[in-house]
Amino acid sequence: MLKLEFVVEQNTKLCERLDHSMAQLTQAMADFRVQVVQGQADLRQEISQSHIDLYKFFERKFMWLITAYCGVLLTLVGFLGKYLFDSYTK
């Protein structure tokens, strides 16, 4: 009978340790979940900021390209106008 009480006591202690370990694991998982959610939010913010920066970069390059194109077009129109003016005044 003494041996049976000892085994029951050992099993009770093991169950209590298991309950304690499960509680710690549950808390660790909850903490990990919070960290993952925060990490995802930070990553979304970083991607959004990168997207905005990339858009601004390409917008500046596009405006520079359009400005150069308009300048060349204006120069060509000027040369053609001068050529036509000179050819008709001769």
PDB file of N, CA and C in Angstrom:
ATOM      1  N   MET A   1       0.802  -1.181   0.000  1.00  0.00           N
ATOM      2  CA  MET A   1       0.000   0.000   0.000  1.00  0.00           C
ATOM      3  C   MET A   1       0.855   1.259   0.000  1.00  0.00           C
ATOM      4  N   LEU A   2       1.944   1.197   0.742  1.00  0.00           N
ATOM      5  CA  LEU A   2       2.865   2.322   0.808  1.00  0.00           C
ATOM      6  C   LEU A   2       3.458   2.607  -0.564  1.00  0.00           C
ATOM      7  N   LYS A   3       3.746   1.541  -1.301  1.00  0.00           N
ATOM      8  CA  LYS A   3       4.314   1.697  -2.637  1.00  0.00           C
ATOM      9  C   LYS A   3       3.294   2.360  -3.563  1.00  0.00           C
ATOM     10  N   LEU A   4       2.043   1.999  -3.469  1.00  0.00           N
ATOM     11  CA  LEU A   4       0.985   2.593  -4.292  1.00  0.00           C
ATOM     12  C   LEU A   4       0.826   4.082  -3.981  1.00  0.00           C
ATOM     13  N   GLU A   5       0.875   4.447  -2.705  1.00  0.00           N
ATOM     14  CA  GLU A   5       0.793   5.865  -2.318  1.00  0.00           C
ATOM     15  C   GLU A   5       1.979   6.636  -2.878  1.00  0.00           C
ATOM     16  N   PHE A   6       3.141   6.034  -2.857  1.00  0.00           N
ATOM     17  CA  PHE A   6       4.347   6.676  -3.386  1.00  0.00           C
ATOM     18  C   PHE A   6       4.198   6.916  -4.897  1.00  0.00           C
ATOM     19  N   VAL A   7       3.691   5.940  -5.622  1.00  0.00           N
ATOM     20  CA  VAL A   7       3.500   6.066  -7.068  1.00  0.00           C
ATOM     21  C   VAL A   7       2.461   7.132  -7.373  1.00  0.00           C
ATOM     22  N   VAL A   8       1.382   7.158  -6.619  1.00  0.00           N
ATOM     23  CA  VAL A   8       0.350   8.177  -6.824  1.00  0.00           C
ATOM     24  C   VAL A   8       0.920   9.567  -6.548  1.00  0.00           C
ATOM     25  N   GLU A   9       1.715   9.688  -5.510  1.00  0.00           N
ATOM     26  CA  GLU A   9       2.337  10.973  -5.172  1.00  0.00           C
ATOM     27  C   GLU A   9       3.291  11.416  -6.280  1.00  0.00           C
ATOM     28  N   GLN A  10       4.056  10.487  -6.802  1.00  0.00           N
ATOM     29  CA  GLN A  10       4.987  10.817  -7.892  1.00  0.00           C
ATOM     30  C   GLN A  10       4.209  11.249  -9.141  1.00  0.00           C
ATOM     31  N   ASN A  11       3.156  10.538  -9.450  1.00  0.00           N
ATOM     32  CA  ASN A  11       2.330  10.910 -10.603  1.00  0.00           C
ATOM     33  C   ASN A  11       1.685  12.277 -10.419  1.00  0.00           C
ATOM     34  N   THR A  12       1.253  12.567  -9.196  1.00  0.00           N
ATOM     35  CA  THR A  12       0.673  13.878  -8.908  1.00  0.00           C
ATOM     36  C   THR A  12       1.698  14.982  -9.117  1.00  0.00           C
ATOM     37  N   LYS A  13       2.927  14.760  -8.642  1.00  0.00           N
ATOM     38  CA  LYS A  13       3.994  15.753  -8.836  1.00  0.00           C
ATOM     39  C   LYS A  13       4.304  15.927 -10.315  1.00  0.00           C
ATOM     40  N   LEU A  14       4.353  14.809 -11.047  1.00  0.00           N
ATOM     41  CA  LEU A  14       4.630  14.900 -12.480  1.00  0.00           C
ATOM     42  C   LEU A  14       3.516  15.664 -13.205  1.00  0.00           C
ATOM     43  N   CYS A  15       2.273  15.422 -12.822  1.00  0.00           N
ATOM     44  CA  CYS A  15       1.152  16.144 -13.428  1.00  0.00           C
ATOM     45  C   CYS A  15       1.212  17.640 -13.113  1.00  0.00           C
ATOM     46  N   GLU A  16       1.590  17.974 -11.881  1.00  0.00           N
ATOM     47  CA  GLU A  16       1.717  19.389 -11.505  1.00  0.00           C
ATOM     48  C   GLU A  16       2.831  20.055 -12.299  1.00  0.00           C
ATOM     49  N   ARG A  17       3.963  19.333 -12.457  1.00  0.00           N
ATOM     50  CA  ARG A  17       5.056  19.893 -13.266  1.00  0.00           C
ATOM     51  C   ARG A  17       4.628  20.051 -14.712  1.00  0.00           C
ATOM     52  N   LEU A  18       3.888  19.077 -15.209  1.00  0.00           N
ATOM     53  CA  LEU A  18       3.401  19.152 -16.578  1.00  0.00           C
ATOM     54  C   LEU A  18       2.435  20.324 -16.754  1.00  0.00           C
ATOM     55  N   ASP A  19       1.550  20.514 -15.792  1.00  0.00           N
ATOM     56  CA  ASP A  19       0.636  21.667 -15.838  1.00  0.00           C
ATOM     57  C   ASP A  19       1.405  22.978 -15.827  1.00  0.00           C
ATOM     58  N   HIS A  20       2.418  23.060 -14.972  1.00  0.00           N
ATOM     59  CA  HIS A  20       3.241  24.271 -14.894  1.00  0.00           C
ATOM     60  C   HIS A  20       3.978  24.505 -16.213  1.00  0.00           C
ATOM     61  N   SER A  21       4.535  23.435 -16.780  1.00  0.00           N
ATOM     62  CA  SER A  21       5.246  23.563 -18.058  1.00  0.00           C
ATOM     63  C   SER A  21       4.302  23.984 -19.175  1.00  0.00           C
ATOM     64  N   MET A  22       3.099  23.447 -19.176  1.00  0.00           N
ATOM     65  CA  MET A  22       2.123  23.831 -20.198  1.00  0.00           C
ATOM     66  C   MET A  22       1.706  25.294 -20.044  1.00  0.00           C
ATOM     67  N   ALA A  23       1.581  25.751 -18.822  1.00  0.00           N
ATOM     68  CA  ALA A  23       1.245  27.158 -18.586  1.00  0.00           C
ATOM     69  C   ALA A  23       2.361  28.054 -19.097  1.00  0.00           C
ATOM     70  N   GLN A  24       3.607  27.668 -18.844  1.00  0.00           N
ATOM     71  CA  GLN A  24       4.741  28.448 -19.349  1.00  0.00           C
ATOM     72  C   GLN A  24       4.773  28.437 -20.874  1.00  0.00           C
ATOM     73  N   LEU A  25       4.514  27.275 -21.455  1.00  0.00           N
ATOM     74  CA  LEU A  25       4.496  27.167 -22.913  1.00  0.00           C
ATOM     75  C   LEU A  25       3.388  28.018 -23.518  1.00  0.00           C
ATOM     76  N   THR A  26       2.230  28.011 -22.891  1.00  0.00           N
ATOM     77  CA  THR A  26       1.110  28.827 -23.370  1.00  0.00           C
ATOM     78  C   THR A  26       1.459  30.309 -23.304  1.00  0.00           C
ATOM     79  N   GLN A  27       2.100  30.731 -22.215  1.00  0.00           N
ATOM     80  CA  GLN A  27       2.503  32.135 -22.088  1.00  0.00           C
ATOM     81  C   GLN A  27       3.576  32.484 -23.120  1.00  0.00           C
ATOM     82  N   ALA A  28       4.516  31.569 -23.331  1.00  0.00           N
ATOM     83  CA  ALA A  28       5.566  31.815 -24.330  1.00  0.00           C
ATOM     84  C   ALA A  28       4.966  31.926 -25.726  1.00  0.00           C
ATOM     85  N   MET A  29       3.995  31.095 -26.048  1.00  0.00           N
ATOM     86  CA  MET A  29       3.346  31.163 -27.359  1.00  0.00           C
ATOM     87  C   MET A  29       2.570  32.467 -27.522  1.00  0.00           C
ATOM     88  N   ALA A  30       1.916  32.911 -26.473  1.00  0.00           N
ATOM     89  CA  ALA A  30       1.187  34.185 -26.534  1.00  0.00           C
ATOM     90  C   ALA A  30       2.166  35.339 -26.755  1.00  0.00           C
ATOM     91  N   ASP A  31       3.296  35.315 -26.048  1.00  0.00           N
ATOM     92  CA  ASP A  31       4.317  36.354 -26.234  1.00  0.00           C
ATOM     93  C   ASP A  31       4.879  36.312 -27.649  1.00  0.00           C
ATOM     94  N   PHE A  32       5.112  35.099 -28.144  1.00  0.00           N
ATOM     95  CA  PHE A  32       5.640  34.941 -29.495  1.00  0.00           C
ATOM     96  C   PHE A  32       4.642  35.463 -30.525  1.00  0.00           C
ATOM     97  N   ARG A  33       3.369  35.183 -30.312  1.00  0.00           N
ATOM     98  CA  ARG A  33       2.333  35.659 -31.228  1.00  0.00           C
ATOM     99  C   ARG A  33       2.325  37.189 -31.270  1.00  0.00           C
ATOM    100  N   VAL A  34       2.466  37.823 -30.121  1.00  0.00           N
ATOM    101  CA  VAL A  34       2.508  39.286 -30.073  1.00  0.00           C
ATOM    102  C   VAL A  34       3.724  39.808 -30.840  1.00  0.00           C
ATOM    103  N   GLN A  35       4.862  39.145 -30.669  1.00  0.00           N
ATOM    104  CA  GLN A  35       6.073  39.562 -31.379  1.00  0.00           C
ATOM    105  C   GLN A  35       5.916  39.397 -32.887  1.00  0.00           C
ATOM    106  N   VAL A  36       5.286  38.305 -33.313  1.00  0.00           N
ATOM    107  CA  VAL A  36       5.086  38.075 -34.740  1.00  0.00           C
ATOM    108  C   VAL A  36       4.158  39.130 -35.325  1.00  0.00           C
ATOM    109  N   VAL A  37       3.089  39.435 -34.634  1.00  0.00           N
ATOM    110  CA  VAL A  37       2.152  40.452 -35.124  1.00  0.00           C
ATOM    111  C   VAL A  37       2.848  41.805 -35.214  1.00  0.00           C
ATOM    112  N   GLN A  38       3.641  42.138 -34.201  1.00  0.00           N
ATOM    113  CA  GLN A  38       4.373  43.411 -34.227  1.00  0.00           C
ATOM    114  C   GLN A  38       5.392  43.418 -35.366  1.00  0.00           C
ATOM    115  N   GLY A  39       6.058  42.286 -35.572  1.00  0.00           N
ATOM    116  CA  GLY A  39       7.024  42.187 -36.675  1.00  0.00           C
ATOM    117  C   GLY A  39       6.359  42.352 -38.028  1.00  0.00           C
ATOM    118  N   GLN A  40       5.176  41.764 -38.189  1.00  0.00           N
ATOM    119  CA  GLN A  40       4.444  41.911 -39.444  1.00  0.00           C
ATOM    120  C   GLN A  40       4.026  43.363 -39.660  1.00  0.00           C
ATOM    121  N   ALA A  41       3.599  44.015 -38.610  1.00  0.00           N
ATOM    122  CA  ALA A  41       3.204  45.427 -38.735  1.00  0.00           C
ATOM    123  C   ALA A  41       4.414  46.280 -39.117  1.00  0.00           C
ATOM    124  N   ASP A  42       5.551  46.021 -38.493  1.00  0.00           N
ATOM    125  CA  ASP A  42       6.769  46.758 -38.833  1.00  0.00           C
ATOM    126  C   ASP A  42       7.182  46.503 -40.278  1.00  0.00           C
ATOM    127  N   LEU A  43       7.075  45.255 -40.706  1.00  0.00           N
ATOM    128  CA  LEU A  43       7.443  44.903 -42.072  1.00  0.00           C
ATOM    129  C   LEU A  43       6.514  45.582 -43.074  1.00  0.00           C
ATOM    130  N   ARG A  44       5.217  45.603 -42.782  1.00  0.00           N
ATOM    131  CA  ARG A  44       4.274  46.298 -43.673  1.00  0.00           C
ATOM    132  C   ARG A  44       4.611  47.775 -43.779  1.00  0.00           C
ATOM    133  N   GLN A  45       4.936  48.384 -42.648  1.00  0.00           N
ATOM    134  CA  GLN A  45       5.295  49.803 -42.642  1.00  0.00           C
ATOM    135  C   GLN A  45       6.559  50.043 -43.459  1.00  0.00           C
ATOM    136  N   GLU A  46       7.541  49.175 -43.293  1.00  0.00           N
ATOM    137  CA  GLU A  46       8.802  49.314 -44.023  1.00  0.00           C
ATOM    138  C   GLU A  46       8.587  49.136 -45.523  1.00  0.00           C
ATOM    139  N   ILE A  47       7.775  48.154 -45.906  1.00  0.00           N
ATOM    140  CA  ILE A  47       7.486  47.936 -47.331  1.00  0.00           C
ATOM    141  C   ILE A  47       6.730  49.134 -47.898  1.00  0.00           C
ATOM    142  N   SER A  48       5.788  49.645 -47.143  1.00  0.00           N
ATOM    143  CA  SER A  48       5.027  50.804 -47.597  1.00  0.00           C
ATOM    144  C   SER A  48       5.942  52.007 -47.795  1.00  0.00           C
ATOM    145  N   GLN A  49       6.848  52.228 -46.857  1.00  0.00           N
ATOM    146  CA  GLN A  49       7.774  53.356 -46.970  1.00  0.00           C
ATOM    147  C   GLN A  49       8.705  53.159 -48.163  1.00  0.00           C
ATOM    148  N   SER A  50       9.159  51.933 -48.387  1.00  0.00           N
ATOM    149  CA  SER A  50      10.022  51.647 -49.540  1.00  0.00           C
ATOM    150  C   SER A  50       9.270  51.902 -50.841  1.00  0.00           C
ATOM    151  N   HIS A  51       8.010  51.518 -50.868  1.00  0.00           N
ATOM    152  CA  HIS A  51       7.194  51.747 -52.056  1.00  0.00           C
ATOM    153  C   HIS A  51       7.041  53.238 -52.332  1.00  0.00           C
ATOM    154  N   ILE A  52       6.805  54.011 -51.292  1.00  0.00           N
ATOM    155  CA  ILE A  52       6.658  55.464 -51.452  1.00  0.00           C
ATOM    156  C   ILE A  52       7.965  56.077 -51.936  1.00  0.00           C
ATOM    157  N   ASP A  53       9.093  55.655 -51.350  1.00  0.00           N
ATOM    158  CA  ASP A  53      10.396  56.177 -51.774  1.00  0.00           C
ATOM    159  C   ASP A  53      10.688  55.822 -53.227  1.00  0.00           C
ATOM    160  N   LEU A  54      10.376  54.588 -53.620  1.00  0.00           N
ATOM    161  CA  LEU A  54      10.608  54.161 -54.999  1.00  0.00           C
ATOM    162  C   LEU A  54       9.729  54.957 -55.956  1.00  0.00           C
ATOM    163  N   TYR A  55       8.490  55.190 -55.578  1.00  0.00           N
ATOM    164  CA  TYR A  55       7.591  55.984 -56.415  1.00  0.00           C
ATOM    165  C   TYR A  55       8.136  57.402 -56.601  1.00  0.00           C
ATOM    166  N   LYS A  56       8.609  58.011 -55.517  1.00  0.00           N
ATOM    167  CA  LYS A  56       9.171  59.364 -55.618  1.00  0.00           C
ATOM    168  C   LYS A  56      10.409  59.377 -56.509  1.00  0.00           C
ATOM    169  N   PHE A  57      11.253  58.338 -56.392  1.00  0.00           N
ATOM    170  CA  PHE A  57      12.464  58.250 -57.207  1.00  0.00           C
ATOM    171  C   PHE A  57      12.104  58.199 -58.689  1.00  0.00           C
ATOM    172  N   PHE A  58      11.168  57.318 -59.055  1.00  0.00           N
ATOM    173  CA  PHE A  58      10.790  57.205 -60.452  1.00  0.00           C
ATOM    174  C   PHE A  58      10.044  58.433 -60.945  1.00  0.00           C
ATOM    175  N   GLU A  59       9.298  59.071 -60.064  1.00  0.00           N
ATOM    176  CA  GLU A  59       8.601  60.288 -60.458  1.00  0.00           C
ATOM    177  C   GLU A  59       9.608  61.381 -60.818  1.00  0.00           C
ATOM    178  N   ARG A  60      10.669  61.510 -60.017  1.00  0.00           N
ATOM    179  CA  ARG A  60      11.715  62.498 -60.322  1.00  0.00           C
ATOM    180  C   ARG A  60      12.405  62.169 -61.640  1.00  0.00           C
ATOM    181  N   LYS A  61      12.734  60.888 -61.856  1.00  0.00           N
ATOM    182  CA  LYS A  61      13.408  60.497 -63.101  1.00  0.00           C
ATOM    183  C   LYS A  61      12.492  60.732 -64.295  1.00  0.00           C
ATOM    184  N   PHE A  62      11.207  60.434 -64.153  1.00  0.00           N
ATOM    185  CA  PHE A  62      10.268  60.640 -65.241  1.00  0.00           C
ATOM    186  C   PHE A  62      10.145  62.126 -65.570  1.00  0.00           C
ATOM    187  N   MET A  63      10.066  62.965 -64.561  1.00  0.00           N
ATOM    188  CA  MET A  63       9.963  64.406 -64.807  1.00  0.00           C
ATOM    189  C   MET A  63      11.226  64.925 -65.497  1.00  0.00           C
ATOM    190  N   TRP A  64      12.381  64.399 -65.106  1.00  0.00           N
ATOM    191  CA  TRP A  64      13.627  64.813 -65.748  1.00  0.00           C
ATOM    192  C   TRP A  64      13.606  64.391 -67.216  1.00  0.00           C
ATOM    193  N   LEU A  65      13.136  63.183 -67.482  1.00  0.00           N
ATOM    194  CA  LEU A  65      13.069  62.675 -68.840  1.00  0.00           C
ATOM    195  C   LEU A  65      12.103  63.499 -69.691  1.00  0.00           C
ATOM    196  N   ILE A  66      10.950  63.829 -69.146  1.00  0.00           N
ATOM    197  CA  ILE A  66       9.973  64.645 -69.880  1.00  0.00           C
ATOM    198  C   ILE A  66      10.532  66.040 -70.147  1.00  0.00           C
ATOM    199  N   THR A  67      11.227  66.599 -69.182  1.00  0.00           N
ATOM    200  CA  THR A  67      11.826  67.922 -69.363  1.00  0.00           C
ATOM    201  C   THR A  67      12.873  67.892 -70.474  1.00  0.00           C
ATOM    202  N   ALA A  68      13.724  66.869 -70.473  1.00  0.00           N
ATOM    203  CA  ALA A  68      14.730  66.744 -71.533  1.00  0.00           C
ATOM    204  C   ALA A  68      14.054  66.551 -72.886  1.00  0.00           C
ATOM    205  N   TYR A  69      13.022  65.742 -72.939  1.00  0.00           N
ATOM    206  CA  TYR A  69      12.290  65.507 -74.183  1.00  0.00           C
ATOM    207  C   TYR A  69      11.672  66.800 -74.707  1.00  0.00           C
ATOM    208  N   CYS A  70      11.043  67.562 -73.837  1.00  0.00           N
ATOM    209  CA  CYS A  70      10.444  68.838 -74.255  1.00  0.00           C
ATOM    210  C   CYS A  70      11.518  69.820 -74.723  1.00  0.00           C
ATOM    211  N   GLY A  71      12.657  69.822 -74.054  1.00  0.00           N
ATOM    212  CA  GLY A  71      13.750  70.709 -74.467  1.00  0.00           C
ATOM    213  C   GLY A  71      14.258  70.359 -75.853  1.00  0.00           C
ATOM    214  N   VAL A  72      14.450  69.074 -76.111  1.00  0.00           N
ATOM    215  CA  VAL A  72      14.914  68.638 -77.436  1.00  0.00           C
ATOM    216  C   VAL A  72      13.861  68.956 -78.486  1.00  0.00           C
ATOM    217  N   LEU A  73      12.603  68.710 -78.166  1.00  0.00           N
ATOM    218  CA  LEU A  73      11.519  68.997 -79.105  1.00  0.00           C
ATOM    219  C   LEU A  73      11.445  70.486 -79.421  1.00  0.00           C
ATOM    220  N   LEU A  74      11.581  71.311 -78.397  1.00  0.00           N
ATOM    221  CA  LEU A  74      11.565  72.757 -78.607  1.00  0.00           C
ATOM    222  C   LEU A  74      12.748  73.201 -79.469  1.00  0.00           C
ATOM    223  N   THR A  75      13.915  72.615 -79.255  1.00  0.00           N
ATOM    224  CA  THR A  75      15.092  72.941 -80.052  1.00  0.00           C
ATOM    225  C   THR A  75      14.879  72.537 -81.512  1.00  0.00           C
ATOM    226  N   LEU A  76      14.317  71.347 -81.735  1.00  0.00           N
ATOM    227  CA  LEU A  76      14.043  70.905 -83.103  1.00  0.00           C
ATOM    228  C   LEU A  76      13.047  71.824 -83.803  1.00  0.00           C
ATOM    229  N   VAL A  77      12.008  72.211 -83.090  1.00  0.00           N
ATOM    230  CA  VAL A  77      11.022  73.131 -83.676  1.00  0.00           C
ATOM    231  C   VAL A  77      11.696  74.465 -84.004  1.00  0.00           C
ATOM    232  N   GLY A  78      12.575  74.929 -83.149  1.00  0.00           N
ATOM    233  CA  GLY A  78      13.294  76.182 -83.417  1.00  0.00           C
ATOM    234  C   GLY A  78      14.172  76.078 -84.648  1.00  0.00           C
ATOM    235  N   PHE A  79      14.924  74.977 -84.759  1.00  0.00           N
ATOM    236  CA  PHE A  79      15.781  74.799 -85.934  1.00  0.00           C
ATOM    237  C   PHE A  79      14.955  74.656 -87.217  1.00  0.00           C
ATOM    238  N   LEU A  80      13.857  73.905 -87.145  1.00  0.00           N
ATOM    239  CA  LEU A  80      12.997  73.775 -88.317  1.00  0.00           C
ATOM    240  C   LEU A  80      12.380  75.120 -88.683  1.00  0.00           C
ATOM    241  N   GLY A  81      11.957  75.873 -87.682  1.00  0.00           N
ATOM    242  CA  GLY A  81      11.402  77.199 -87.955  1.00  0.00           C
ATOM    243  C   GLY A  81      12.442  78.115 -88.583  1.00  0.00           C
ATOM    244  N   LYS A  82      13.654  78.090 -88.096  1.00  0.00           N
ATOM    245  CA  LYS A  82      14.726  78.907 -88.662  1.00  0.00           C
ATOM    246  C   LYS A  82      15.024  78.465 -90.090  1.00  0.00           C
ATOM    247  N   TYR A  83      15.051  77.133 -90.313  1.00  0.00           N
ATOM    248  CA  TYR A  83      15.323  76.618 -91.649  1.00  0.00           C
ATOM    249  C   TYR A  83      14.225  77.054 -92.624  1.00  0.00           C
ATOM    250  N   LEU A  84      12.953  76.916 -92.196  1.00  0.00           N
ATOM    251  CA  LEU A  84      11.852  77.328 -93.064  1.00  0.00           C
ATOM    252  C   LEU A  84      11.870  78.841 -93.307  1.00  0.00           C
ATOM    253  N   PHE A  85      12.147  79.610 -92.275  1.00  0.00           N
ATOM    254  CA  PHE A  85      12.209  81.065 -92.405  1.00  0.00           C
ATOM    255  C   PHE A  85      13.328  81.467 -93.354  1.00  0.00           C
ATOM    256  N   ASP A  86      14.507  80.831 -93.192  1.00  0.00           N
ATOM    257  CA  ASP A  86      15.645  81.161 -94.076  1.00  0.00           C
ATOM    258  C   ASP A  86      15.385  80.727 -95.510  1.00  0.00           C
ATOM    259  N   SER A  87      14.718  79.602 -95.698  1.00  0.00           N
ATOM    260  CA  SER A  87      14.473  79.125 -97.056  1.00  0.00           C
ATOM    261  C   SER A  87      13.426  79.981 -97.783  1.00  0.00           C
ATOM    262  N   TYR A  88      12.457  80.531 -97.065  1.00  0.00           N
ATOM    263  CA  TYR A  88      11.442  81.371 -97.702  1.00  0.00           C
ATOM    264  C   TYR A  88      11.895  82.809 -97.885  1.00  0.00           C
ATOM    265  N   THR A  89      12.886  83.245 -97.136  1.00  0.00           N
ATOM    266  CA  THR A  89      13.355  84.626 -97.287  1.00  0.00           C
ATOM    267  C   THR A  89      14.409  84.763 -98.361  1.00  0.00           C
ATOM    268  N   LYS A  90      14.878  83.713 -98.929  1.00  0.00           N
ATOM    269  CA  LYS A  90      15.911  83.790 -99.973  1.00  0.00           C
ATOM    270  C   LYS A  90      15.350  84.139-101.303  1.00  0.00           C
TER     271      LYS A  90
END
